[in-house]
């Protein structure tokens, strides 16, 4: 562009901006008179005193379970006793075995597989320790895409042998 055209363009923008600013600043500010007036109605609330039976009826009709303090304490004590019994049964030798299907996709590393195994509670420790064990066995390059079924009863070496073929 030539300097005359550029100067004319800049002058035009300056004049247009000043006219728009003057209209904005000097224009009518009647927007407050156009505001909608809202009427406020005062509502009074009357508190009703309901009897215990009426409160229970309303709560049961709404789908809530209403029980007395004694019944609640009794139910809590029963639940705690049952929880202790099941914990004692598990401690007596019923070991929980977790089984998982591990899906290995293209581009996954041994650390990614280790994270999945830790999340599924198949191995104890961290994913990094699993990766180190894989590197010690020198099978980190033998990870192939596919699905593998492993469980927590397997040793770490068995898990590595199952996934890294």
N, C-alpha and C. Protein backbone atom coordinates (compact mmCIF):
# COMPACT_ATOMS: atom_id res chain seq x y z
N UNK A 1 0.85 -1.18 0.00
CA UNK A 1 0.00 0.00 0.00
C UNK A 1 0.89 1.24 0.00
N UNK A 2 0.38 2.25 -0.64
CA UNK A 2 1.12 3.51 -0.64
C UNK A 2 0.81 4.25 0.65
N UNK A 3 1.65 5.17 1.01
CA UNK A 3 1.48 5.89 2.27
C UNK A 3 0.23 6.75 2.27
N UNK A 4 -0.21 7.28 1.12
CA UNK A 4 -1.43 8.08 1.09
C UNK A 4 -2.65 7.21 1.41
N UNK A 5 -2.70 6.02 0.84
CA UNK A 5 -3.83 5.12 1.10
C UNK A 5 -3.83 4.66 2.55
N UNK A 6 -2.64 4.36 3.06
CA UNK A 6 -2.54 3.91 4.45
C UNK A 6 -2.92 5.01 5.41
N UNK A 7 -2.53 6.24 5.13
CA UNK A 7 -2.87 7.37 5.98
C UNK A 7 -4.37 7.63 5.92
N UNK A 8 -4.96 7.53 4.75
CA UNK A 8 -6.41 7.73 4.60
C UNK A 8 -7.18 6.65 5.36
N UNK A 9 -6.71 5.41 5.26
CA UNK A 9 -7.37 4.31 5.98
C UNK A 9 -7.30 4.51 7.48
N UNK A 10 -6.15 4.91 8.00
CA UNK A 10 -6.00 5.15 9.43
C UNK A 10 -6.87 6.31 9.89
N UNK A 11 -6.95 7.36 9.08
CA UNK A 11 -7.80 8.51 9.43
C UNK A 11 -9.26 8.10 9.46
N UNK A 12 -9.67 7.26 8.54
CA UNK A 12 -11.06 6.79 8.51
C UNK A 12 -11.41 5.97 9.74
N UNK A 13 -10.50 5.11 10.15
CA UNK A 13 -10.73 4.31 11.36
C UNK A 13 -10.80 5.21 12.58
N UNK A 14 -9.94 6.22 12.65
CA UNK A 14 -9.94 7.15 13.78
C UNK A 14 -11.25 7.93 13.85
N UNK A 15 -11.73 8.40 12.72
CA UNK A 15 -12.99 9.16 12.70
C UNK A 15 -14.16 8.26 13.07
N UNK A 16 -14.21 7.05 12.53
CA UNK A 16 -15.31 6.12 12.83
C UNK A 16 -15.32 5.74 14.31
N UNK A 17 -14.16 5.54 14.89
CA UNK A 17 -14.06 5.19 16.30
C UNK A 17 -14.50 6.35 17.18
N UNK A 18 -14.09 7.56 16.82
CA UNK A 18 -14.48 8.71 17.64
C UNK A 18 -15.98 8.97 17.56
N UNK A 19 -16.59 8.79 16.40
CA UNK A 19 -18.04 8.97 16.28
C UNK A 19 -18.77 7.91 17.09
N UNK A 20 -18.34 6.66 17.00
CA UNK A 20 -18.98 5.58 17.78
C UNK A 20 -18.84 5.82 19.27
N UNK A 21 -17.68 6.28 19.72
CA UNK A 21 -17.47 6.57 21.13
C UNK A 21 -18.33 7.71 21.61
N UNK A 22 -18.49 8.75 20.79
CA UNK A 22 -19.33 9.90 21.18
C UNK A 22 -20.78 9.48 21.31
N UNK A 23 -21.26 8.67 20.38
CA UNK A 23 -22.65 8.21 20.45
C UNK A 23 -22.85 7.35 21.70
N UNK A 24 -21.88 6.52 22.00
CA UNK A 24 -21.99 5.65 23.17
C UNK A 24 -22.00 6.44 24.46
N UNK A 25 -21.10 7.41 24.58
CA UNK A 25 -20.98 8.17 25.82
C UNK A 25 -22.08 9.21 25.99
N UNK A 26 -22.53 9.81 24.92
CA UNK A 26 -23.52 10.89 25.01
C UNK A 26 -24.95 10.41 24.78
N UNK A 27 -25.12 9.17 24.47
CA UNK A 27 -26.45 8.64 24.21
C UNK A 27 -27.29 8.56 25.47
N UNK A 28 -28.59 8.32 25.29
CA UNK A 28 -29.51 8.20 26.43
C UNK A 28 -29.24 6.92 27.19
N UNK A 29 -29.24 7.04 28.48
CA UNK A 29 -29.08 5.88 29.35
C UNK A 29 -30.42 5.56 30.00
N UNK A 30 -31.43 5.34 29.21
CA UNK A 30 -32.76 5.07 29.71
C UNK A 30 -33.00 3.58 29.92
N UNK A 31 -31.96 2.82 29.98
CA UNK A 31 -32.13 1.38 30.15
C UNK A 31 -32.74 1.06 31.50
N UNK A 32 -32.53 1.95 32.51
CA UNK A 32 -33.12 1.69 33.82
C UNK A 32 -34.62 1.92 33.80
N UNK A 33 -35.12 2.79 32.93
CA UNK A 33 -36.55 3.02 32.85
C UNK A 33 -37.25 1.90 32.10
N UNK A 34 -36.51 1.15 31.31
CA UNK A 34 -37.08 0.05 30.55
C UNK A 34 -37.08 -1.26 31.34
N UNK A 35 -36.52 -1.25 32.52
CA UNK A 35 -36.42 -2.47 33.31
C UNK A 35 -37.81 -2.93 33.74
N UNK A 36 -37.98 -4.21 33.78
CA UNK A 36 -39.25 -4.80 34.18
C UNK A 36 -39.37 -4.72 35.69
N UNK A 37 -40.49 -4.22 36.14
CA UNK A 37 -40.73 -4.11 37.58
C UNK A 37 -41.39 -5.41 38.02
N UNK A 38 -40.77 -6.07 38.97
CA UNK A 38 -41.30 -7.33 39.47
C UNK A 38 -42.09 -7.06 40.74
N UNK A 39 -43.22 -7.67 40.81
CA UNK A 39 -44.02 -7.53 42.03
C UNK A 39 -43.67 -8.68 42.95
N UNK A 40 -43.52 -8.37 44.18
CA UNK A 40 -43.15 -9.36 45.16
C UNK A 40 -44.36 -9.61 46.05
N UNK A 41 -44.73 -10.88 46.09
CA UNK A 41 -45.83 -11.26 46.97
C UNK A 41 -45.26 -11.87 48.22
N UNK A 42 -45.78 -11.47 49.31
CA UNK A 42 -45.30 -11.98 50.58
C UNK A 42 -46.06 -13.27 50.90
N UNK A 43 -45.30 -14.31 51.11
CA UNK A 43 -45.92 -15.58 51.44
C UNK A 43 -45.69 -15.86 52.91
N UNK A 44 -46.71 -16.29 53.52
CA UNK A 44 -46.59 -16.63 54.94
C UNK A 44 -46.63 -18.14 55.07
N UNK A 45 -45.76 -18.65 55.88
CA UNK A 45 -45.74 -20.08 56.12
C UNK A 45 -46.22 -20.34 57.54
N UNK A 46 -47.01 -21.34 57.64
CA UNK A 46 -47.54 -21.73 58.94
C UNK A 46 -46.89 -23.05 59.31
N UNK A 47 -46.25 -23.08 60.43
CA UNK A 47 -45.61 -24.30 60.89
C UNK A 47 -46.63 -25.14 61.65
N UNK A 48 -46.71 -26.39 61.19
CA UNK A 48 -47.61 -27.31 61.86
C UNK A 48 -46.79 -28.20 62.78
N UNK A 49 -47.33 -28.46 63.92
CA UNK A 49 -46.69 -29.40 64.83
C UNK A 49 -47.33 -30.76 64.60
N UNK A 50 -46.53 -31.66 64.03
CA UNK A 50 -47.03 -33.00 63.75
C UNK A 50 -46.69 -33.92 64.90
N UNK A 51 -47.56 -34.87 65.12
CA UNK A 51 -47.28 -35.86 66.16
C UNK A 51 -46.28 -36.87 65.60
N UNK A 52 -45.75 -37.70 66.48
CA UNK A 52 -44.78 -38.70 66.05
C UNK A 52 -45.37 -39.67 65.03
N UNK A 53 -46.60 -40.08 65.26
CA UNK A 53 -47.25 -41.03 64.36
C UNK A 53 -47.45 -40.41 62.98
N UNK A 54 -47.85 -39.13 62.93
CA UNK A 54 -48.04 -38.46 61.65
C UNK A 54 -46.72 -38.30 60.90
N UNK A 55 -45.65 -37.99 61.63
CA UNK A 55 -44.34 -37.86 60.99
C UNK A 55 -43.88 -39.19 60.42
N UNK A 56 -44.07 -40.29 61.18
CA UNK A 56 -43.69 -41.61 60.69
C UNK A 56 -44.49 -41.98 59.45
N UNK A 57 -45.80 -41.67 59.47
CA UNK A 57 -46.64 -41.98 58.32
C UNK A 57 -46.18 -41.21 57.07
N UNK A 58 -45.86 -39.93 57.23
CA UNK A 58 -45.41 -39.13 56.09
C UNK A 58 -44.06 -39.64 55.56
N UNK A 59 -43.16 -40.01 56.46
CA UNK A 59 -41.86 -40.50 56.02
C UNK A 59 -41.97 -41.85 55.32
N UNK A 60 -42.78 -42.76 55.86
CA UNK A 60 -42.95 -44.06 55.21
C UNK A 60 -43.66 -43.91 53.88
N UNK A 61 -44.58 -42.95 53.77
CA UNK A 61 -45.25 -42.71 52.50
C UNK A 61 -44.26 -42.17 51.47
N UNK A 62 -43.26 -41.43 51.93
CA UNK A 62 -42.24 -40.88 51.02
C UNK A 62 -41.17 -41.92 50.68
N UNK A 63 -41.20 -43.08 51.32
CA UNK A 63 -40.26 -44.13 50.98
C UNK A 63 -39.10 -44.28 51.95
N UNK A 64 -39.14 -43.60 53.07
CA UNK A 64 -38.08 -43.70 54.05
C UNK A 64 -38.38 -44.80 55.05
N UNK A 65 -37.34 -45.35 55.64
CA UNK A 65 -37.49 -46.37 56.67
C UNK A 65 -37.32 -45.68 58.01
N UNK A 66 -38.32 -45.82 58.85
CA UNK A 66 -38.30 -45.18 60.16
C UNK A 66 -38.17 -46.27 61.21
N UNK A 67 -37.14 -46.13 62.06
CA UNK A 67 -36.96 -47.09 63.14
C UNK A 67 -36.49 -46.35 64.38
N UNK A 68 -36.75 -46.96 65.51
CA UNK A 68 -36.38 -46.31 66.77
C UNK A 68 -34.88 -46.43 67.01
N UNK A 69 -34.39 -45.69 67.98
CA UNK A 69 -32.96 -45.69 68.31
C UNK A 69 -32.51 -47.08 68.75
N UNK A 70 -33.33 -47.77 69.53
CA UNK A 70 -32.97 -49.11 70.00
C UNK A 70 -32.85 -50.09 68.83
N UNK A 71 -33.81 -50.01 67.89
CA UNK A 71 -33.76 -50.89 66.72
C UNK A 71 -32.52 -50.61 65.87
N UNK A 72 -32.21 -49.33 65.73
CA UNK A 72 -31.03 -48.94 64.95
C UNK A 72 -29.76 -49.48 65.58
N UNK A 73 -29.61 -49.29 66.89
CA UNK A 73 -28.42 -49.79 67.59
C UNK A 73 -28.32 -51.31 67.50
N UNK A 74 -29.46 -51.98 67.59
CA UNK A 74 -29.48 -53.44 67.50
C UNK A 74 -29.04 -53.89 66.10
N UNK A 75 -29.51 -53.22 65.06
CA UNK A 75 -29.13 -53.57 63.69
C UNK A 75 -27.64 -53.31 63.44
N UNK A 76 -27.12 -52.24 64.00
CA UNK A 76 -25.69 -51.93 63.84
C UNK A 76 -24.84 -52.99 64.54
N UNK A 77 -25.25 -53.39 65.74
CA UNK A 77 -24.50 -54.41 66.48
C UNK A 77 -24.52 -55.75 65.73
N UNK A 78 -25.66 -56.10 65.15
CA UNK A 78 -25.78 -57.33 64.38
C UNK A 78 -24.88 -57.29 63.15
N UNK A 79 -24.86 -56.16 62.47
CA UNK A 79 -24.02 -56.03 61.27
C UNK A 79 -22.54 -56.12 61.63
N UNK A 80 -22.14 -55.53 62.74
CA UNK A 80 -20.74 -55.61 63.16
C UNK A 80 -20.36 -57.05 63.50
N UNK A 81 -21.26 -57.77 64.17
CA UNK A 81 -20.98 -59.16 64.53
C UNK A 81 -20.83 -60.01 63.28
N UNK A 82 -21.69 -59.80 62.29
CA UNK A 82 -21.59 -60.56 61.04
C UNK A 82 -20.30 -60.23 60.30
N UNK A 83 -19.91 -58.97 60.33
CA UNK A 83 -18.66 -58.56 59.68
C UNK A 83 -17.46 -59.21 60.32
N UNK A 84 -17.48 -59.32 61.65
CA UNK A 84 -16.37 -59.96 62.35
C UNK A 84 -16.34 -61.46 62.05
N UNK A 85 -17.52 -62.07 61.91
CA UNK A 85 -17.56 -63.49 61.59
C UNK A 85 -16.98 -63.76 60.20
N UNK A 86 -17.33 -62.94 59.23
CA UNK A 86 -16.80 -63.14 57.88
C UNK A 86 -15.31 -62.86 57.83
N UNK A 87 -14.85 -61.89 58.61
CA UNK A 87 -13.41 -61.60 58.66
C UNK A 87 -12.67 -62.77 59.29
N UNK A 88 -13.27 -63.39 60.31
CA UNK A 88 -12.66 -64.54 60.95
C UNK A 88 -12.62 -65.73 59.99
N UNK A 89 -13.67 -65.90 59.20
CA UNK A 89 -13.70 -66.99 58.22
C UNK A 89 -12.63 -66.79 57.15
N UNK A 90 -12.45 -65.56 56.70
CA UNK A 90 -11.42 -65.28 55.70
C UNK A 90 -10.03 -65.49 56.28
N UNK A 91 -9.85 -65.18 57.55
CA UNK A 91 -8.54 -65.33 58.18
C UNK A 91 -8.22 -66.80 58.46
N UNK A 92 -9.23 -67.65 58.48
CA UNK A 92 -9.01 -69.06 58.78
C UNK A 92 -8.40 -69.83 57.62
N UNK A 93 -8.22 -69.23 56.49
CA UNK A 93 -7.59 -69.96 55.39
C UNK A 93 -8.30 -69.78 54.07
N UNK A 94 -9.40 -69.12 54.04
CA UNK A 94 -10.08 -68.87 52.78
C UNK A 94 -9.42 -67.67 52.11
N UNK A 95 -8.38 -67.95 51.32
CA UNK A 95 -7.67 -66.87 50.66
C UNK A 95 -8.42 -66.48 49.39
N UNK A 96 -8.56 -65.19 49.20
CA UNK A 96 -9.27 -64.68 48.04
C UNK A 96 -8.30 -64.67 46.86
N UNK A 97 -8.74 -65.28 45.76
CA UNK A 97 -7.91 -65.32 44.56
C UNK A 97 -8.56 -64.40 43.54
N UNK A 98 -7.79 -63.42 43.08
CA UNK A 98 -8.28 -62.49 42.07
C UNK A 98 -7.87 -62.99 40.70
N UNK A 99 -8.81 -62.95 39.77
CA UNK A 99 -8.54 -63.37 38.41
C UNK A 99 -8.84 -62.18 37.50
N UNK A 100 -7.98 -61.96 36.53
CA UNK A 100 -8.16 -60.82 35.63
C UNK A 100 -7.78 -61.21 34.22
N UNK A 101 -8.43 -60.56 33.29
CA UNK A 101 -8.10 -60.70 31.88
C UNK A 101 -7.38 -59.41 31.50
N UNK A 102 -6.11 -59.54 31.16
CA UNK A 102 -5.28 -58.39 30.84
C UNK A 102 -5.23 -58.24 29.32
N UNK A 103 -5.64 -57.09 28.84
CA UNK A 103 -5.60 -56.80 27.41
C UNK A 103 -4.39 -55.96 27.08
N UNK A 104 -3.49 -56.51 26.30
CA UNK A 104 -2.28 -55.80 25.90
C UNK A 104 -2.48 -55.30 24.48
N UNK A 105 -2.31 -53.99 24.30
CA UNK A 105 -2.47 -53.41 22.98
C UNK A 105 -1.12 -52.96 22.44
N UNK A 106 -1.12 -52.60 21.18
CA UNK A 106 0.10 -52.19 20.50
C UNK A 106 0.70 -50.96 21.19
N UNK A 107 1.98 -50.99 21.47
CA UNK A 107 2.68 -49.86 22.05
C UNK A 107 2.74 -49.85 23.57
N UNK A 108 2.15 -50.84 24.22
CA UNK A 108 2.21 -50.89 25.68
C UNK A 108 3.58 -51.39 26.12
N UNK A 109 3.99 -50.93 27.30
CA UNK A 109 5.28 -51.35 27.86
C UNK A 109 5.04 -52.24 29.07
N UNK A 110 6.12 -52.76 29.62
CA UNK A 110 5.99 -53.64 30.78
C UNK A 110 5.49 -52.85 32.00
N UNK A 111 5.77 -51.56 32.06
CA UNK A 111 5.25 -50.75 33.17
C UNK A 111 3.74 -50.61 33.06
N UNK A 112 3.21 -50.44 31.83
CA UNK A 112 1.77 -50.36 31.63
C UNK A 112 1.09 -51.66 32.06
N UNK A 113 1.69 -52.78 31.70
CA UNK A 113 1.15 -54.09 32.10
C UNK A 113 1.21 -54.22 33.62
N UNK A 114 2.32 -53.77 34.22
CA UNK A 114 2.46 -53.82 35.67
C UNK A 114 1.40 -52.99 36.37
N UNK A 115 1.09 -51.81 35.82
CA UNK A 115 0.04 -50.97 36.42
C UNK A 115 -1.31 -51.68 36.39
N UNK A 116 -1.60 -52.36 35.27
CA UNK A 116 -2.87 -53.09 35.18
C UNK A 116 -2.90 -54.24 36.17
N UNK A 117 -1.77 -54.92 36.35
CA UNK A 117 -1.71 -56.05 37.28
C UNK A 117 -1.84 -55.58 38.73
N UNK A 118 -1.24 -54.45 39.06
CA UNK A 118 -1.35 -53.91 40.42
C UNK A 118 -2.79 -53.47 40.68
N UNK A 119 -3.41 -52.83 39.69
CA UNK A 119 -4.79 -52.38 39.84
C UNK A 119 -5.74 -53.56 40.02
N UNK A 120 -5.46 -54.67 39.35
CA UNK A 120 -6.30 -55.87 39.46
C UNK A 120 -5.92 -56.73 40.66
N UNK A 121 -4.95 -56.30 41.46
CA UNK A 121 -4.49 -57.00 42.66
C UNK A 121 -3.92 -58.38 42.34
N UNK A 122 -3.28 -58.49 41.19
CA UNK A 122 -2.66 -59.75 40.79
C UNK A 122 -1.27 -59.86 41.40
N UNK A 123 -0.53 -58.77 41.38
CA UNK A 123 0.82 -58.78 41.94
C UNK A 123 0.89 -57.81 43.11
N UNK A 124 1.79 -58.10 44.02
CA UNK A 124 2.03 -57.20 45.14
C UNK A 124 3.24 -56.34 44.77
N UNK A 125 3.28 -55.14 45.28
CA UNK A 125 4.38 -54.25 44.95
C UNK A 125 3.93 -53.23 43.93
N UNK A 126 4.91 -52.65 43.25
CA UNK A 126 4.60 -51.60 42.29
C UNK A 126 4.82 -52.08 40.86
N UNK A 127 4.33 -51.28 39.93
CA UNK A 127 4.51 -51.59 38.52
C UNK A 127 5.97 -51.49 38.13
N UNK A 128 6.70 -50.59 38.77
CA UNK A 128 8.13 -50.45 38.47
C UNK A 128 8.90 -51.70 38.87
N UNK A 129 8.55 -52.28 40.03
CA UNK A 129 9.21 -53.52 40.47
C UNK A 129 8.92 -54.65 39.48
N UNK A 130 7.69 -54.70 38.98
CA UNK A 130 7.33 -55.71 37.99
C UNK A 130 8.15 -55.50 36.72
N UNK A 131 8.30 -54.26 36.31
CA UNK A 131 9.08 -53.96 35.12
C UNK A 131 10.54 -54.36 35.30
N UNK A 132 11.08 -54.13 36.49
CA UNK A 132 12.46 -54.53 36.77
C UNK A 132 12.62 -56.04 36.70
N UNK A 133 11.61 -56.78 37.22
CA UNK A 133 11.66 -58.25 37.16
C UNK A 133 11.62 -58.72 35.71
N UNK A 134 10.82 -58.05 34.88
CA UNK A 134 10.75 -58.40 33.46
C UNK A 134 12.10 -58.15 32.79
N UNK A 135 12.73 -57.03 33.14
CA UNK A 135 14.04 -56.71 32.55
C UNK A 135 15.11 -57.70 33.01
N UNK A 136 15.03 -58.17 34.26
CA UNK A 136 16.00 -59.16 34.75
C UNK A 136 15.88 -60.46 33.98
N UNK A 137 14.64 -60.82 33.60
CA UNK A 137 14.44 -62.05 32.83
C UNK A 137 14.74 -61.84 31.34
N UNK A 138 14.96 -60.59 30.95
CA UNK A 138 15.30 -60.21 29.57
C UNK A 138 14.22 -60.63 28.58
N UNK A 139 12.96 -60.40 28.95
CA UNK A 139 11.85 -60.71 28.06
C UNK A 139 11.01 -59.47 27.74
N UNK A 140 11.56 -58.27 28.00
CA UNK A 140 10.78 -57.05 27.80
C UNK A 140 10.42 -56.82 26.34
N UNK A 141 11.16 -57.38 25.41
CA UNK A 141 10.87 -57.22 23.99
C UNK A 141 9.90 -58.28 23.47
N UNK A 142 9.50 -59.22 24.30
CA UNK A 142 8.63 -60.31 23.88
C UNK A 142 7.16 -60.06 24.22
N UNK A 143 6.82 -58.82 24.56
CA UNK A 143 5.43 -58.46 24.87
C UNK A 143 4.67 -58.31 23.56
N UNK A 144 3.62 -59.11 23.39
CA UNK A 144 2.83 -59.08 22.16
C UNK A 144 1.39 -58.70 22.49
N UNK A 145 0.71 -58.00 21.56
CA UNK A 145 -0.69 -57.66 21.78
C UNK A 145 -1.56 -58.90 21.89
N UNK A 146 -2.55 -58.83 22.76
CA UNK A 146 -3.47 -59.94 22.96
C UNK A 146 -4.12 -59.85 24.32
N UNK A 147 -4.93 -60.85 24.65
CA UNK A 147 -5.57 -60.91 25.96
C UNK A 147 -5.02 -62.11 26.71
N UNK A 148 -4.72 -61.89 27.97
CA UNK A 148 -4.11 -62.93 28.80
C UNK A 148 -4.88 -63.03 30.10
N UNK A 149 -5.15 -64.26 30.55
CA UNK A 149 -5.84 -64.49 31.81
C UNK A 149 -4.83 -64.88 32.87
N UNK A 150 -4.81 -64.11 33.96
CA UNK A 150 -3.90 -64.38 35.07
C UNK A 150 -4.68 -64.26 36.37
N UNK A 151 -4.16 -64.89 37.43
CA UNK A 151 -4.79 -64.76 38.74
C UNK A 151 -3.74 -64.52 39.80
N UNK A 152 -4.22 -64.16 40.99
CA UNK A 152 -3.30 -63.79 42.07
C UNK A 152 -2.63 -65.00 42.71
N UNK A 153 -3.08 -66.21 42.39
CA UNK A 153 -2.44 -67.41 42.93
C UNK A 153 -1.14 -67.72 42.18
N UNK A 154 -0.95 -67.11 41.02
CA UNK A 154 0.25 -67.35 40.23
C UNK A 154 1.42 -66.56 40.82
N UNK A 155 2.61 -67.10 40.67
CA UNK A 155 3.80 -66.37 41.12
C UNK A 155 4.13 -65.31 40.08
N UNK A 156 5.04 -64.41 40.45
CA UNK A 156 5.42 -63.34 39.53
C UNK A 156 6.05 -63.92 38.26
N UNK A 157 6.84 -64.97 38.41
CA UNK A 157 7.47 -65.60 37.25
C UNK A 157 6.44 -66.24 36.33
N UNK A 158 5.39 -66.84 36.92
CA UNK A 158 4.34 -67.44 36.12
C UNK A 158 3.55 -66.38 35.36
N UNK A 159 3.31 -65.24 36.01
CA UNK A 159 2.60 -64.14 35.34
C UNK A 159 3.43 -63.61 34.18
N UNK A 160 4.73 -63.45 34.42
CA UNK A 160 5.62 -62.96 33.35
C UNK A 160 5.65 -63.96 32.20
N UNK A 161 5.71 -65.26 32.52
CA UNK A 161 5.74 -66.28 31.47
C UNK A 161 4.43 -66.31 30.69
N UNK A 162 3.31 -66.01 31.35
CA UNK A 162 2.02 -66.05 30.67
C UNK A 162 1.85 -64.87 29.72
N UNK A 163 2.35 -63.71 30.10
CA UNK A 163 2.12 -62.51 29.29
C UNK A 163 3.23 -62.28 28.28
N UNK A 164 4.47 -62.48 28.69
CA UNK A 164 5.62 -62.23 27.81
C UNK A 164 6.04 -63.54 27.17
N UNK A 165 5.59 -63.80 25.94
CA UNK A 165 5.89 -65.06 25.26
C UNK A 165 6.87 -64.82 24.15
